[in-house]
Amino acid sequence: MHQLRQERSVGELFGELTQDLSLLVRQETQLAKTEIQEKISRVSRDLVTLATGGVVALVGGLALTAAVILLLVDPIGLEPWLAALLVGVLLAGGGFLMLRGGLRDLKAVDPAPRRAVESIKEDIQSVKERRP
């Protein structure tokens, strides 16, 4: 009779361990999802910044291009093609710098859910230490 009670107790403990492990897996999965969502959100913001920078550079370049070309053609006397070439090179350089900065920030994002991975490693280590 005593042995049956002890077996049941072991069975109950195993059931509790299974439930705890199941809860732990669900919590770790949720942590990984949350971390990935945060990173996706950051990448989305960086992409919007990158696209906005490109559009702003383009629109600004278009507006200023005409004004600067006209300024270089009339008072200075440059040929229109040369004035357009000079202004185009300057605007392309500025746009390139903006795009390079956005890409650098985008590459700096680590897509791996590091906190979740570390937490899972700690949980596995904790379960190993509890085993008889």
N, C-alpha and C. Protein backbone atom coordinates (compact mmCIF):
# COMPACT_ATOMS: atom_id res chain seq x y z
N MET A 1 0.82 -1.19 0.00
CA MET A 1 0.00 0.00 0.00
C MET A 1 0.86 1.25 0.00
N HIS A 2 1.92 1.20 0.81
CA HIS A 2 2.82 2.35 0.88
C HIS A 2 3.50 2.59 -0.47
N GLN A 3 3.85 1.51 -1.15
CA GLN A 3 4.51 1.64 -2.45
C GLN A 3 3.56 2.24 -3.47
N LEU A 4 2.31 1.87 -3.48
CA LEU A 4 1.33 2.42 -4.39
C LEU A 4 1.17 3.92 -4.19
N ARG A 5 1.13 4.32 -2.94
CA ARG A 5 1.02 5.75 -2.62
C ARG A 5 2.26 6.50 -3.12
N GLN A 6 3.42 5.91 -2.96
CA GLN A 6 4.66 6.54 -3.42
C GLN A 6 4.68 6.64 -4.94
N GLU A 7 4.22 5.59 -5.65
CA GLU A 7 4.17 5.62 -7.10
C GLU A 7 3.21 6.71 -7.57
N ARG A 8 2.09 6.81 -6.93
CA ARG A 8 1.13 7.84 -7.28
C ARG A 8 1.74 9.22 -7.05
N SER A 9 2.46 9.35 -6.01
CA SER A 9 3.12 10.61 -5.69
C SER A 9 4.14 10.96 -6.78
N VAL A 10 4.89 9.98 -7.22
CA VAL A 10 5.85 10.20 -8.30
C VAL A 10 5.10 10.56 -9.58
N GLY A 11 3.99 9.86 -9.81
CA GLY A 11 3.16 10.16 -10.99
C GLY A 11 2.61 11.58 -10.92
N GLU A 12 2.17 11.98 -9.75
CA GLU A 12 1.67 13.36 -9.58
C GLU A 12 2.78 14.36 -9.83
N LEU A 13 3.96 14.06 -9.29
CA LEU A 13 5.10 14.95 -9.51
C LEU A 13 5.45 15.04 -10.99
N PHE A 14 5.41 13.90 -11.66
CA PHE A 14 5.70 13.91 -13.10
C PHE A 14 4.65 14.72 -13.85
N GLY A 15 3.39 14.59 -13.45
CA GLY A 15 2.32 15.37 -14.07
C GLY A 15 2.52 16.86 -13.87
N GLU A 16 2.92 17.24 -12.64
CA GLU A 16 3.18 18.65 -12.35
C GLU A 16 4.37 19.15 -13.18
N LEU A 17 5.39 18.32 -13.27
CA LEU A 17 6.57 18.70 -14.06
C LEU A 17 6.18 18.90 -15.52
N THR A 18 5.34 18.02 -16.04
CA THR A 18 4.89 18.14 -17.43
C THR A 18 4.10 19.43 -17.62
N GLN A 19 3.23 19.74 -16.68
CA GLN A 19 2.45 20.98 -16.76
C GLN A 19 3.37 22.20 -16.69
N ASP A 20 4.34 22.15 -15.76
CA ASP A 20 5.28 23.28 -15.62
C ASP A 20 6.10 23.47 -16.89
N LEU A 21 6.56 22.36 -17.46
CA LEU A 21 7.34 22.46 -18.70
C LEU A 21 6.49 23.00 -19.84
N SER A 22 5.24 22.58 -19.89
CA SER A 22 4.33 23.07 -20.93
C SER A 22 4.12 24.57 -20.78
N LEU A 23 3.89 25.01 -19.54
CA LEU A 23 3.73 26.45 -19.28
C LEU A 23 5.01 27.20 -19.65
N LEU A 24 6.13 26.63 -19.28
CA LEU A 24 7.42 27.27 -19.58
C LEU A 24 7.63 27.41 -21.08
N VAL A 25 7.32 26.37 -21.83
CA VAL A 25 7.47 26.43 -23.29
C VAL A 25 6.55 27.50 -23.87
N ARG A 26 5.31 27.58 -23.38
CA ARG A 26 4.38 28.61 -23.87
C ARG A 26 4.90 30.01 -23.55
N GLN A 27 5.42 30.20 -22.34
CA GLN A 27 5.95 31.51 -21.95
C GLN A 27 7.16 31.88 -22.80
N GLU A 28 8.05 30.93 -23.02
CA GLU A 28 9.24 31.20 -23.83
C GLU A 28 8.86 31.50 -25.28
N THR A 29 7.86 30.79 -25.78
CA THR A 29 7.38 31.05 -27.14
C THR A 29 6.82 32.46 -27.23
N GLN A 30 6.05 32.86 -26.23
CA GLN A 30 5.48 34.21 -26.22
C GLN A 30 6.59 35.25 -26.13
N LEU A 31 7.61 35.00 -25.32
CA LEU A 31 8.74 35.93 -25.21
C LEU A 31 9.44 36.08 -26.56
N ALA A 32 9.65 34.95 -27.25
CA ALA A 32 10.30 35.00 -28.56
C ALA A 32 9.45 35.78 -29.55
N LYS A 33 8.13 35.55 -29.54
CA LYS A 33 7.23 36.28 -30.44
C LYS A 33 7.29 37.78 -30.16
N THR A 34 7.25 38.14 -28.89
CA THR A 34 7.29 39.56 -28.51
C THR A 34 8.60 40.19 -28.96
N GLU A 35 9.70 39.50 -28.74
CA GLU A 35 11.00 40.04 -29.13
C GLU A 35 11.10 40.21 -30.64
N ILE A 36 10.61 39.23 -31.38
CA ILE A 36 10.65 39.32 -32.84
C ILE A 36 9.75 40.45 -33.32
N GLN A 37 8.58 40.61 -32.70
CA GLN A 37 7.68 41.72 -33.08
C GLN A 37 8.34 43.07 -32.83
N GLU A 38 9.07 43.20 -31.71
CA GLU A 38 9.77 44.44 -31.42
C GLU A 38 10.82 44.73 -32.50
N LYS A 39 11.53 43.70 -32.90
CA LYS A 39 12.57 43.89 -33.92
C LYS A 39 11.95 44.21 -35.28
N ILE A 40 10.85 43.57 -35.61
CA ILE A 40 10.17 43.87 -36.87
C ILE A 40 9.68 45.32 -36.86
N SER A 41 9.18 45.76 -35.72
CA SER A 41 8.72 47.14 -35.59
C SER A 41 9.87 48.11 -35.81
N ARG A 42 11.03 47.80 -35.23
CA ARG A 42 12.19 48.68 -35.39
C ARG A 42 12.66 48.70 -36.84
N VAL A 43 12.70 47.53 -37.47
CA VAL A 43 13.11 47.45 -38.87
C VAL A 43 12.12 48.23 -39.74
N SER A 44 10.83 48.12 -39.43
CA SER A 44 9.82 48.86 -40.19
C SER A 44 10.06 50.37 -40.08
N ARG A 45 10.34 50.83 -38.86
CA ARG A 45 10.62 52.26 -38.67
C ARG A 45 11.87 52.67 -39.47
N ASP A 46 12.90 51.83 -39.43
CA ASP A 46 14.12 52.14 -40.17
C ASP A 46 13.85 52.18 -41.68
N LEU A 47 13.03 51.25 -42.17
CA LEU A 47 12.69 51.24 -43.59
C LEU A 47 11.89 52.48 -43.98
N VAL A 48 10.97 52.89 -43.12
CA VAL A 48 10.20 54.11 -43.39
C VAL A 48 11.13 55.31 -43.41
N THR A 49 12.06 55.37 -42.47
CA THR A 49 13.04 56.47 -42.45
C THR A 49 13.88 56.46 -43.72
N LEU A 50 14.30 55.28 -44.13
CA LEU A 50 15.10 55.14 -45.34
C LEU A 50 14.32 55.61 -46.57
N ALA A 51 13.09 55.15 -46.70
CA ALA A 51 12.26 55.55 -47.85
C ALA A 51 11.95 57.04 -47.80
N THR A 52 11.64 57.55 -46.63
CA THR A 52 11.35 58.98 -46.49
C THR A 52 12.57 59.81 -46.86
N GLY A 53 13.72 59.38 -46.40
CA GLY A 53 14.96 60.09 -46.75
C GLY A 53 15.17 60.12 -48.25
N GLY A 54 14.90 59.00 -48.92
CA GLY A 54 15.04 58.95 -50.37
C GLY A 54 14.06 59.87 -51.08
N VAL A 55 12.81 59.88 -50.62
CA VAL A 55 11.80 60.73 -51.24
C VAL A 55 12.11 62.20 -50.99
N VAL A 56 12.49 62.53 -49.77
CA VAL A 56 12.83 63.93 -49.45
C VAL A 56 14.01 64.38 -50.28
N ALA A 57 15.02 63.54 -50.40
CA ALA A 57 16.17 63.90 -51.22
C ALA A 57 15.75 64.11 -52.68
N LEU A 58 14.88 63.27 -53.17
CA LEU A 58 14.42 63.39 -54.56
C LEU A 58 13.61 64.66 -54.78
N VAL A 59 12.61 64.90 -53.93
CA VAL A 59 11.76 66.08 -54.08
C VAL A 59 12.57 67.35 -53.89
N GLY A 60 13.38 67.37 -52.87
CA GLY A 60 14.22 68.54 -52.64
C GLY A 60 15.18 68.77 -53.80
N GLY A 61 15.72 67.68 -54.28
CA GLY A 61 16.64 67.79 -55.41
C GLY A 61 15.96 68.32 -56.66
N LEU A 62 14.75 67.86 -56.90
CA LEU A 62 14.03 68.33 -58.07
C LEU A 62 13.71 69.83 -57.96
N ALA A 63 13.27 70.25 -56.79
CA ALA A 63 12.93 71.66 -56.62
C ALA A 63 14.16 72.55 -56.72
N LEU A 64 15.22 72.13 -56.09
CA LEU A 64 16.43 72.95 -56.09
C LEU A 64 17.20 72.85 -57.40
N THR A 65 17.07 71.75 -58.06
CA THR A 65 17.79 71.56 -59.31
C THR A 65 17.47 72.67 -60.31
N ALA A 66 16.21 72.90 -60.51
CA ALA A 66 15.81 73.93 -61.48
C ALA A 66 16.34 75.30 -61.06
N ALA A 67 16.19 75.62 -59.77
CA ALA A 67 16.64 76.94 -59.30
C ALA A 67 18.15 77.11 -59.44
N VAL A 68 18.90 76.11 -59.01
CA VAL A 68 20.36 76.22 -59.06
C VAL A 68 20.86 76.21 -60.51
N ILE A 69 20.26 75.37 -61.34
CA ILE A 69 20.68 75.34 -62.75
C ILE A 69 20.44 76.70 -63.39
N LEU A 70 19.27 77.27 -63.13
CA LEU A 70 18.98 78.60 -63.68
C LEU A 70 19.95 79.64 -63.14
N LEU A 71 20.29 79.54 -61.89
CA LEU A 71 21.25 80.47 -61.30
C LEU A 71 22.63 80.33 -61.94
N LEU A 72 23.04 79.10 -62.19
CA LEU A 72 24.35 78.88 -62.80
C LEU A 72 24.37 79.25 -64.29
N VAL A 73 23.23 79.14 -64.95
CA VAL A 73 23.17 79.44 -66.38
C VAL A 73 23.15 80.94 -66.63
N ASP A 74 22.24 81.65 -65.96
CA ASP A 74 22.05 83.05 -66.30
C ASP A 74 23.14 83.97 -65.76
N PRO A 75 23.29 84.14 -64.45
CA PRO A 75 24.30 85.11 -64.00
C PRO A 75 25.74 84.65 -64.25
N ILE A 76 26.02 83.36 -64.08
CA ILE A 76 27.40 82.89 -64.23
C ILE A 76 27.74 82.63 -65.69
N GLY A 77 26.78 82.17 -66.44
CA GLY A 77 27.00 81.95 -67.86
C GLY A 77 27.44 80.55 -68.23
N LEU A 78 27.26 79.57 -67.34
CA LEU A 78 27.60 78.19 -67.69
C LEU A 78 26.61 77.67 -68.73
N GLU A 79 27.07 76.71 -69.48
CA GLU A 79 26.17 76.02 -70.41
C GLU A 79 25.12 75.28 -69.58
N PRO A 80 23.88 75.21 -70.03
CA PRO A 80 22.83 74.52 -69.26
C PRO A 80 23.17 73.07 -68.92
N TRP A 81 23.76 72.34 -69.85
CA TRP A 81 24.09 70.95 -69.57
C TRP A 81 25.14 70.83 -68.47
N LEU A 82 26.09 71.73 -68.45
CA LEU A 82 27.14 71.69 -67.43
C LEU A 82 26.58 72.06 -66.06
N ALA A 83 25.71 73.06 -66.03
CA ALA A 83 25.07 73.45 -64.77
C ALA A 83 24.23 72.28 -64.23
N ALA A 84 23.48 71.62 -65.10
CA ALA A 84 22.66 70.49 -64.69
C ALA A 84 23.53 69.34 -64.19
N LEU A 85 24.66 69.10 -64.84
CA LEU A 85 25.58 68.03 -64.43
C LEU A 85 26.14 68.31 -63.04
N LEU A 86 26.60 69.52 -62.81
CA LEU A 86 27.16 69.86 -61.50
C LEU A 86 26.13 69.70 -60.38
N VAL A 87 24.95 70.22 -60.60
CA VAL A 87 23.90 70.12 -59.58
C VAL A 87 23.48 68.67 -59.37
N GLY A 88 23.37 67.93 -60.45
CA GLY A 88 22.99 66.51 -60.34
C GLY A 88 24.00 65.71 -59.53
N VAL A 89 25.28 65.96 -59.74
CA VAL A 89 26.32 65.24 -58.99
C VAL A 89 26.22 65.57 -57.50
N LEU A 90 26.02 66.82 -57.18
CA LEU A 90 25.90 67.20 -55.76
C LEU A 90 24.67 66.55 -55.10
N LEU A 91 23.54 66.58 -55.78
CA LEU A 91 22.33 65.98 -55.21
C LEU A 91 22.46 64.46 -55.08
N ALA A 92 23.05 63.83 -56.07
CA ALA A 92 23.23 62.37 -56.01
C ALA A 92 24.13 62.01 -54.83
N GLY A 93 25.16 62.81 -54.59
CA GLY A 93 26.06 62.56 -53.45
C GLY A 93 25.33 62.68 -52.12
N GLY A 94 24.50 63.71 -51.98
CA GLY A 94 23.73 63.87 -50.74
C GLY A 94 22.75 62.72 -50.53
N GLY A 95 22.05 62.33 -51.58
CA GLY A 95 21.12 61.19 -51.47
C GLY A 95 21.84 59.91 -51.13
N PHE A 96 23.01 59.72 -51.71
CA PHE A 96 23.80 58.53 -51.41
C PHE A 96 24.16 58.46 -49.93
N LEU A 97 24.56 59.59 -49.37
CA LEU A 97 24.92 59.63 -47.95
C LEU A 97 23.72 59.28 -47.07
N MET A 98 22.54 59.78 -47.42
CA MET A 98 21.33 59.46 -46.64
C MET A 98 21.01 57.97 -46.74
N LEU A 99 21.07 57.42 -47.93
CA LEU A 99 20.78 56.00 -48.12
C LEU A 99 21.79 55.12 -47.39
N ARG A 100 23.04 55.49 -47.44
CA ARG A 100 24.08 54.72 -46.76
C ARG A 100 23.85 54.70 -45.25
N GLY A 101 23.47 55.86 -44.69
CA GLY A 101 23.18 55.92 -43.25
C GLY A 101 22.00 55.05 -42.87
N GLY A 102 20.94 55.06 -43.69
CA GLY A 102 19.78 54.21 -43.42
C GLY A 102 20.11 52.74 -43.50
N LEU A 103 20.89 52.35 -44.49
CA LEU A 103 21.28 50.95 -44.63
C LEU A 103 22.18 50.50 -43.47
N ARG A 104 23.05 51.39 -43.03
CA ARG A 104 23.92 51.07 -41.89
C ARG A 104 23.07 50.79 -40.65
N ASP A 105 22.07 51.64 -40.39
CA ASP A 105 21.19 51.43 -39.24
C ASP A 105 20.40 50.14 -39.38
N LEU A 106 19.98 49.84 -40.58
CA LEU A 106 19.20 48.63 -40.82
C LEU A 106 20.05 47.38 -40.59
N LYS A 107 21.29 47.41 -41.00
CA LYS A 107 22.19 46.26 -40.80
C LYS A 107 22.53 46.06 -39.33
N ALA A 108 22.42 47.10 -38.51
CA ALA A 108 22.75 47.01 -37.10
C ALA A 108 21.71 46.24 -36.30
N VAL A 109 20.54 45.99 -36.87
CA VAL A 109 19.48 45.27 -36.16
C VAL A 109 19.80 43.78 -36.16
N ASP A 110 19.82 43.19 -34.97
CA ASP A 110 20.05 41.76 -34.82
C ASP A 110 18.70 41.06 -34.84
N PRO A 111 18.40 40.26 -35.87
CA PRO A 111 17.05 39.66 -35.98
C PRO A 111 16.80 38.51 -35.01
N ALA A 112 17.82 37.97 -34.39
CA ALA A 112 17.64 36.81 -33.51
C ALA A 112 17.01 37.24 -32.18
N PRO A 113 16.09 36.43 -31.66
CA PRO A 113 15.49 36.74 -30.35
C PRO A 113 16.44 36.34 -29.22
N ARG A 114 17.46 37.15 -28.97
CA ARG A 114 18.53 36.81 -28.02
C ARG A 114 18.02 36.59 -26.59
N ARG A 115 17.12 37.44 -26.11
CA ARG A 115 16.64 37.29 -24.74
C ARG A 115 15.91 35.96 -24.58
N ALA A 116 15.09 35.59 -25.55
CA ALA A 116 14.35 34.34 -25.47
C ALA A 116 15.31 33.15 -25.49
N VAL A 117 16.32 33.19 -26.34
CA VAL A 117 17.29 32.09 -26.42
C VAL A 117 18.02 31.94 -25.09
N GLU A 118 18.45 33.06 -24.51
CA GLU A 118 19.15 33.00 -23.22
C GLU A 118 18.23 32.46 -22.13
N SER A 119 16.99 32.88 -22.14
CA SER A 119 16.03 32.42 -21.15
C SER A 119 15.78 30.92 -21.28
N ILE A 120 15.67 30.44 -22.51
CA ILE A 120 15.48 29.00 -22.73
C ILE A 120 16.70 28.22 -22.24
N LYS A 121 17.90 28.73 -22.50
CA LYS A 121 19.12 28.07 -22.03
C LYS A 121 19.12 27.98 -20.50
N GLU A 122 18.72 29.08 -19.84
CA GLU A 122 18.66 29.09 -18.38
C GLU A 122 17.63 28.08 -17.88
N ASP A 123 16.49 28.01 -18.56
CA ASP A 123 15.45 27.06 -18.15
C ASP A 123 15.92 25.62 -18.29
N ILE A 124 16.59 25.33 -19.39
CA ILE A 124 17.11 23.97 -19.60
C ILE A 124 18.12 23.63 -18.52
N GLN A 125 18.99 24.57 -18.20
CA GLN A 125 19.98 24.35 -17.16
C GLN A 125 19.32 24.11 -15.81
N SER A 126 18.27 24.87 -15.53
CA SER A 126 17.54 24.72 -14.27
C SER A 126 16.88 23.35 -14.18
N VAL A 127 16.28 22.88 -15.27
CA VAL A 127 15.66 21.55 -15.28
C VAL A 127 16.73 20.47 -15.10
N LYS A 128 17.88 20.63 -15.73
CA LYS A 128 18.95 19.65 -15.59
C LYS A 128 19.43 19.56 -14.13
N GLU A 129 19.51 20.73 -13.48
CA GLU A 129 19.99 20.75 -12.10
C GLU A 129 18.98 20.11 -11.14
N ARG A 130 17.69 20.12 -11.48
CA ARG A 130 16.67 19.57 -10.60
C ARG A 130 16.54 18.05 -10.75
N ARG A 131 17.01 17.52 -11.86
CA ARG A 131 16.88 16.06 -12.07
C ARG A 131 17.70 15.31 -11.04
N PRO A 132 17.12 14.20 -10.53
CA PRO A 132 17.85 13.38 -9.54
C PRO A 132 18.95 12.59 -10.19
